[in-house]
């Protein structure tokens, strides 16, 4: 069975649309992940370091 030019054009358009949607979704996931990590990092900078961490850092610097 031979496909007609119209059929091929239809499937080409559908494939291009699907790829564009997939790319947009992937970009949105990357932006959301980046934004979430940035928020977590900023929150982490604002919280005090655990006491054990300070003590460990002092030991490492002394060594």
PDB file of N, CA and C in Angstrom:
ATOM      1  N   UNK A   1       0.840  -1.180   0.000  1.00  0.00           N
ATOM      2  CA  UNK A   1       0.000   0.000   0.000  1.00  0.00           C
ATOM      3  C   UNK A   1       0.882   1.240   0.000  1.00  0.00           C
ATOM      4  N   UNK A   2       0.650   2.094  -0.900  1.00  0.00           N
ATOM      5  CA  UNK A   2       1.470   3.290  -1.022  1.00  0.00           C
ATOM      6  C   UNK A   2       0.746   4.475  -0.380  1.00  0.00           C
ATOM      7  N   UNK A   3       1.495   5.237   0.419  1.00  0.00           N
ATOM      8  CA  UNK A   3       0.897   6.397   1.071  1.00  0.00           C
ATOM      9  C   UNK A   3       0.872   7.574   0.108  1.00  0.00           C
ATOM     10  N   UNK A   4      -0.160   8.326   0.199  1.00  0.00           N
ATOM     11  CA  UNK A   4      -0.254   9.507  -0.643  1.00  0.00           C
ATOM     12  C   UNK A   4       0.479  10.669   0.017  1.00  0.00           C
ATOM     13  N   UNK A   5       0.781  11.684  -0.765  1.00  0.00           N
ATOM     14  CA  UNK A   5       1.508  12.855  -0.260  1.00  0.00           C
ATOM     15  C   UNK A   5       0.743  13.528   0.874  1.00  0.00           C
ATOM     16  N   UNK A   6      -0.572  13.578   0.782  1.00  0.00           N
ATOM     17  CA  UNK A   6      -1.376  14.193   1.846  1.00  0.00           C
ATOM     18  C   UNK A   6      -1.248  13.424   3.156  1.00  0.00           C
ATOM     19  N   UNK A   7      -1.234  12.097   3.049  1.00  0.00           N
ATOM     20  CA  UNK A   7      -1.069  11.273   4.241  1.00  0.00           C
ATOM     21  C   UNK A   7       0.288  11.523   4.884  1.00  0.00           C
ATOM     22  N   UNK A   8       1.314  11.561   4.074  1.00  0.00           N
ATOM     23  CA  UNK A   8       2.654  11.800   4.606  1.00  0.00           C
ATOM     24  C   UNK A   8       2.747  13.168   5.267  1.00  0.00           C
ATOM     25  N   UNK A   9       2.150  14.163   4.657  1.00  0.00           N
ATOM     26  CA  UNK A   9       2.160  15.518   5.231  1.00  0.00           C
ATOM     27  C   UNK A   9       1.413  15.545   6.561  1.00  0.00           C
ATOM     28  N   UNK A  10       0.305  14.845   6.627  1.00  0.00           N
ATOM     29  CA  UNK A  10      -0.471  14.765   7.863  1.00  0.00           C
ATOM     30  C   UNK A  10       0.369  14.159   8.993  1.00  0.00           C
ATOM     31  N   UNK A  11       0.993  13.034   8.726  1.00  0.00           N
ATOM     32  CA  UNK A  11       1.803  12.379   9.752  1.00  0.00           C
ATOM     33  C   UNK A  11       3.032  13.205  10.119  1.00  0.00           C
ATOM     34  N   UNK A  12       3.601  13.908   9.157  1.00  0.00           N
ATOM     35  CA  UNK A  12       4.737  14.776   9.447  1.00  0.00           C
ATOM     36  C   UNK A  12       4.316  15.897  10.396  1.00  0.00           C
ATOM     37  N   UNK A  13       3.156  16.520  10.107  1.00  0.00           N
ATOM     38  CA  UNK A  13       2.659  17.597  10.972  1.00  0.00           C
ATOM     39  C   UNK A  13       2.373  17.090  12.379  1.00  0.00           C
ATOM     40  N   UNK A  14       1.752  15.924  12.463  1.00  0.00           N
ATOM     41  CA  UNK A  14       1.452  15.343  13.785  1.00  0.00           C
ATOM     42  C   UNK A  14       2.727  15.076  14.570  1.00  0.00           C
ATOM     43  N   UNK A  15       3.747  14.551  13.922  1.00  0.00           N
ATOM     44  CA  UNK A  15       5.013  14.267  14.580  1.00  0.00           C
ATOM     45  C   UNK A  15       5.678  15.550  15.057  1.00  0.00           C
ATOM     46  N   UNK A  16       5.682  16.564  14.216  1.00  0.00           N
ATOM     47  CA  UNK A  16       6.279  17.846  14.599  1.00  0.00           C
ATOM     48  C   UNK A  16       5.542  18.440  15.796  1.00  0.00           C
ATOM     49  N   UNK A  17       4.211  18.400  15.785  1.00  0.00           N
ATOM     50  CA  UNK A  17       3.431  18.927  16.909  1.00  0.00           C
ATOM     51  C   UNK A  17       3.736  18.170  18.194  1.00  0.00           C
ATOM     52  N   UNK A  18       3.830  16.859  18.103  1.00  0.00           N
ATOM     53  CA  UNK A  18       4.120  16.044  19.288  1.00  0.00           C
ATOM     54  C   UNK A  18       5.513  16.351  19.834  1.00  0.00           C
ATOM     55  N   UNK A  19       6.473  16.500  18.949  1.00  0.00           N
ATOM     56  CA  UNK A  19       7.829  16.836  19.391  1.00  0.00           C
ATOM     57  C   UNK A  19       7.875  18.211  20.045  1.00  0.00           C
ATOM     58  N   UNK A  20       7.145  19.171  19.496  1.00  0.00           N
ATOM     59  CA  UNK A  20       7.107  20.506  20.093  1.00  0.00           C
ATOM     60  C   UNK A  20       6.483  20.464  21.480  1.00  0.00           C
ATOM     61  N   UNK A  21       5.389  19.716  21.638  1.00  0.00           N
ATOM     62  CA  UNK A  21       4.760  19.589  22.964  1.00  0.00           C
ATOM     63  C   UNK A  21       5.711  18.925  23.946  1.00  0.00           C
ATOM     64  N   UNK A  22       6.393  17.897  23.507  1.00  0.00           N
ATOM     65  CA  UNK A  22       7.333  17.191  24.366  1.00  0.00           C
ATOM     66  C   UNK A  22       8.462  18.114  24.800  1.00  0.00           C
ATOM     67  N   UNK A  23       8.985  18.896  23.868  1.00  0.00           N
ATOM     68  CA  UNK A  23      10.076  19.812  24.183  1.00  0.00           C
ATOM     69  C   UNK A  23       9.612  20.879  25.165  1.00  0.00           C
ATOM     70  N   UNK A  24       8.410  21.421  24.972  1.00  0.00           N
ATOM     71  CA  UNK A  24       7.868  22.429  25.884  1.00  0.00           C
ATOM     72  C   UNK A  24       7.707  21.858  27.286  1.00  0.00           C
ATOM     73  N   UNK A  25       7.206  20.631  27.390  1.00  0.00           N
ATOM     74  CA  UNK A  25       7.027  19.999  28.696  1.00  0.00           C
ATOM     75  C   UNK A  25       8.373  19.774  29.368  1.00  0.00           C
ATOM     76  N   UNK A  26       9.369  19.337  28.608  1.00  0.00           N
ATOM     77  CA  UNK A  26      10.700  19.104  29.167  1.00  0.00           C
ATOM     78  C   UNK A  26      11.301  20.412  29.671  1.00  0.00           C
ATOM     79  N   UNK A  27      11.129  21.481  28.927  1.00  0.00           N
ATOM     80  CA  UNK A  27      11.643  22.785  29.335  1.00  0.00           C
ATOM     81  C   UNK A  27      10.961  23.259  30.612  1.00  0.00           C
ATOM     82  N   UNK A  28       9.657  23.041  30.705  1.00  0.00           N
ATOM     83  CA  UNK A  28       8.914  23.460  31.895  1.00  0.00           C
ATOM     84  C   UNK A  28       9.376  22.676  33.124  1.00  0.00           C
ATOM     85  N   UNK A  29       9.616  21.388  32.965  1.00  0.00           N
ATOM     86  CA  UNK A  29      10.115  20.569  34.077  1.00  0.00           C
ATOM     87  C   UNK A  29      11.484  21.076  34.523  1.00  0.00           C
ATOM     88  N   UNK A  30      12.358  21.390  33.577  1.00  0.00           N
ATOM     89  CA  UNK A  30      13.689  21.897  33.918  1.00  0.00           C
ATOM     90  C   UNK A  30      13.589  23.229  34.649  1.00  0.00           C
ATOM     91  N   UNK A  31      12.713  24.119  34.194  1.00  0.00           N
ATOM     92  CA  UNK A  31      12.551  25.418  34.861  1.00  0.00           C
ATOM     93  C   UNK A  31      12.012  25.242  36.270  1.00  0.00           C
ATOM     94  N   UNK A  32      11.039  24.358  36.439  1.00  0.00           N
ATOM     95  CA  UNK A  32      10.464  24.118  37.761  1.00  0.00           C
ATOM     96  C   UNK A  32      11.503  23.521  38.701  1.00  0.00           C
ATOM     97  N   UNK A  33      12.275  22.567  38.222  1.00  0.00           N
ATOM     98  CA  UNK A  33      13.317  21.954  39.051  1.00  0.00           C
ATOM     99  C   UNK A  33      14.363  22.989  39.448  1.00  0.00           C
ATOM    100  N   UNK A  34      14.773  23.820  38.524  1.00  0.00           N
ATOM    101  CA  UNK A  34      15.771  24.848  38.817  1.00  0.00           C
ATOM    102  C   UNK A  34      15.232  25.826  39.860  1.00  0.00           C
ATOM    103  N   UNK A  35      13.990  26.257  39.687  1.00  0.00           N
ATOM    104  CA  UNK A  35      13.378  27.203  40.619  1.00  0.00           C
ATOM    105  C   UNK A  35      13.259  26.583  42.016  1.00  0.00           C
ATOM    106  N   UNK A  36      12.852  25.316  42.087  1.00  0.00           N
ATOM    107  CA  UNK A  36      12.704  24.638  43.374  1.00  0.00           C
ATOM    108  C   UNK A  36      14.052  24.482  44.067  1.00  0.00           C
ATOM    109  N   UNK A  37      15.068  24.080  43.319  1.00  0.00           N
ATOM    110  CA  UNK A  37      16.395  23.947  43.915  1.00  0.00           C
ATOM    111  C   UNK A  37      16.919  25.287  44.403  1.00  0.00           C
ATOM    112  N   UNK A  38      16.669  26.353  43.662  1.00  0.00           N
ATOM    113  CA  UNK A  38      17.105  27.683  44.088  1.00  0.00           C
ATOM    114  C   UNK A  38      16.403  28.085  45.383  1.00  0.00           C
ATOM    115  N   UNK A  39      15.107  27.796  45.492  1.00  0.00           N
ATOM    116  CA  UNK A  39      14.371  28.110  46.718  1.00  0.00           C
ATOM    117  C   UNK A  39      14.912  27.312  47.896  1.00  0.00           C
ATOM    118  N   UNK A  40      15.178  26.038  47.688  1.00  0.00           N
ATOM    119  CA  UNK A  40      15.732  25.206  48.758  1.00  0.00           C
ATOM    120  C   UNK A  40      17.110  25.699  49.179  1.00  0.00           C
ATOM    121  N   UNK A  41      17.923  26.101  48.222  1.00  0.00           N
ATOM    122  CA  UNK A  41      19.261  26.599  48.520  1.00  0.00           C
ATOM    123  C   UNK A  41      19.175  27.888  49.331  1.00  0.00           C
ATOM    124  N   UNK A  42      18.289  28.802  48.915  1.00  0.00           N
ATOM    125  CA  UNK A  42      18.131  30.054  49.667  1.00  0.00           C
ATOM    126  C   UNK A  42      17.635  29.775  51.076  1.00  0.00           C
ATOM    127  N   UNK A  43      16.699  28.849  51.225  1.00  0.00           N
ATOM    128  CA  UNK A  43      16.196  28.497  52.553  1.00  0.00           C
ATOM    129  C   UNK A  43      17.311  27.889  53.391  1.00  0.00           C
ATOM    130  N   UNK A  44      18.137  27.086  52.778  1.00  0.00           N
ATOM    131  CA  UNK A  44      19.240  26.444  53.502  1.00  0.00           C
ATOM    132  C   UNK A  44      20.260  27.478  53.967  1.00  0.00           C
ATOM    133  N   UNK A  45      20.499  28.509  53.155  1.00  0.00           N
ATOM    134  CA  UNK A  45      21.438  29.559  53.553  1.00  0.00           C
ATOM    135  C   UNK A  45      20.928  30.340  54.754  1.00  0.00           C
ATOM    136  N   UNK A  46      19.623  30.432  54.913  1.00  0.00           N
ATOM    137  CA  UNK A  46      19.045  31.209  56.005  1.00  0.00           C
ATOM    138  C   UNK A  46      18.948  30.436  57.314  1.00  0.00           C
ATOM    139  N   UNK A  47      19.099  29.132  57.285  1.00  0.00           N
ATOM    140  CA  UNK A  47      18.989  28.370  58.532  1.00  0.00           C
ATOM    141  C   UNK A  47      20.375  28.190  59.149  1.00  0.00           C
ATOM    142  N   UNK A  48      20.447  28.174  60.464  1.00  0.00           N
ATOM    143  CA  UNK A  48      21.754  28.021  61.114  1.00  0.00           C
ATOM    144  C   UNK A  48      22.331  26.625  60.885  1.00  0.00           C
ATOM    145  N   UNK A  49      23.626  26.560  60.854  1.00  0.00           N
ATOM    146  CA  UNK A  49      24.293  25.268  60.671  1.00  0.00           C
ATOM    147  C   UNK A  49      24.126  24.424  61.929  1.00  0.00           C
ATOM    148  N   UNK A  50      24.011  23.112  61.788  1.00  0.00           N
ATOM    149  CA  UNK A  50      23.907  22.248  62.972  1.00  0.00           C
ATOM    150  C   UNK A  50      25.166  22.351  63.827  1.00  0.00           C
ATOM    151  N   UNK A  51      25.000  22.162  65.119  1.00  0.00           N
ATOM    152  CA  UNK A  51      26.125  22.279  66.045  1.00  0.00           C
ATOM    153  C   UNK A  51      27.224  21.290  65.694  1.00  0.00           C
ATOM    154  N   UNK A  52      26.849  20.081  65.349  1.00  0.00           N
ATOM    155  CA  UNK A  52      27.840  19.074  64.994  1.00  0.00           C
ATOM    156  C   UNK A  52      28.656  19.488  63.785  1.00  0.00           C
ATOM    157  N   UNK A  53      28.030  20.172  62.864  1.00  0.00           N
ATOM    158  CA  UNK A  53      28.734  20.622  61.659  1.00  0.00           C
ATOM    159  C   UNK A  53      29.786  21.663  62.022  1.00  0.00           C
ATOM    160  N   UNK A  54      29.428  22.598  62.898  1.00  0.00           N
ATOM    161  CA  UNK A  54      30.393  23.623  63.320  1.00  0.00           C
ATOM    162  C   UNK A  54      31.572  22.981  64.034  1.00  0.00           C
ATOM    163  N   UNK A  55      31.267  22.041  64.898  1.00  0.00           N
ATOM    164  CA  UNK A  55      32.340  21.374  65.634  1.00  0.00           C
ATOM    165  C   UNK A  55      33.225  20.592  64.673  1.00  0.00           C
ATOM    166  N   UNK A  56      32.630  19.918  63.714  1.00  0.00           N
ATOM    167  CA  UNK A  56      33.402  19.151  62.749  1.00  0.00           C
ATOM    168  C   UNK A  56      34.254  20.094  61.903  1.00  0.00           C
ATOM    169  N   UNK A  57      33.706  21.230  61.497  1.00  0.00           N
ATOM    170  CA  UNK A  57      34.463  22.187  60.698  1.00  0.00           C
ATOM    171  C   UNK A  57      35.662  22.710  61.472  1.00  0.00           C
ATOM    172  N   UNK A  58      35.476  22.950  62.751  1.00  0.00           N
ATOM    173  CA  UNK A  58      36.583  23.442  63.577  1.00  0.00           C
ATOM    174  C   UNK A  58      37.680  22.388  63.655  1.00  0.00           C
ATOM    175  N   UNK A  59      37.295  21.123  63.782  1.00  0.00           N
ATOM    176  CA  UNK A  59      38.299  20.058  63.834  1.00  0.00           C
ATOM    177  C   UNK A  59      39.038  19.942  62.515  1.00  0.00           C
ATOM    178  N   UNK A  60      38.331  20.073  61.410  1.00  0.00           N
ATOM    179  CA  UNK A  60      38.962  19.968  60.096  1.00  0.00           C
ATOM    180  C   UNK A  60      39.944  21.116  59.902  1.00  0.00           C
ATOM    181  N   UNK A  61      39.555  22.324  60.301  1.00  0.00           N
ATOM    182  CA  UNK A  61      40.460  23.469  60.159  1.00  0.00           C
ATOM    183  C   UNK A  61      41.686  23.322  61.052  1.00  0.00           C
ATOM    184  N   UNK A  62      41.513  22.726  62.229  1.00  0.00           N
ATOM    185  CA  UNK A  62      42.634  22.569  63.159  1.00  0.00           C
ATOM    186  C   UNK A  62      43.620  21.515  62.659  1.00  0.00           C
ATOM    187  N   UNK A  63      43.152  20.571  61.896  1.00  0.00           N
ATOM    188  CA  UNK A  63      44.019  19.475  61.447  1.00  0.00           C
ATOM    189  C   UNK A  63      44.984  19.893  60.379  1.00  0.00           C
TER     190      UNK A  63
END
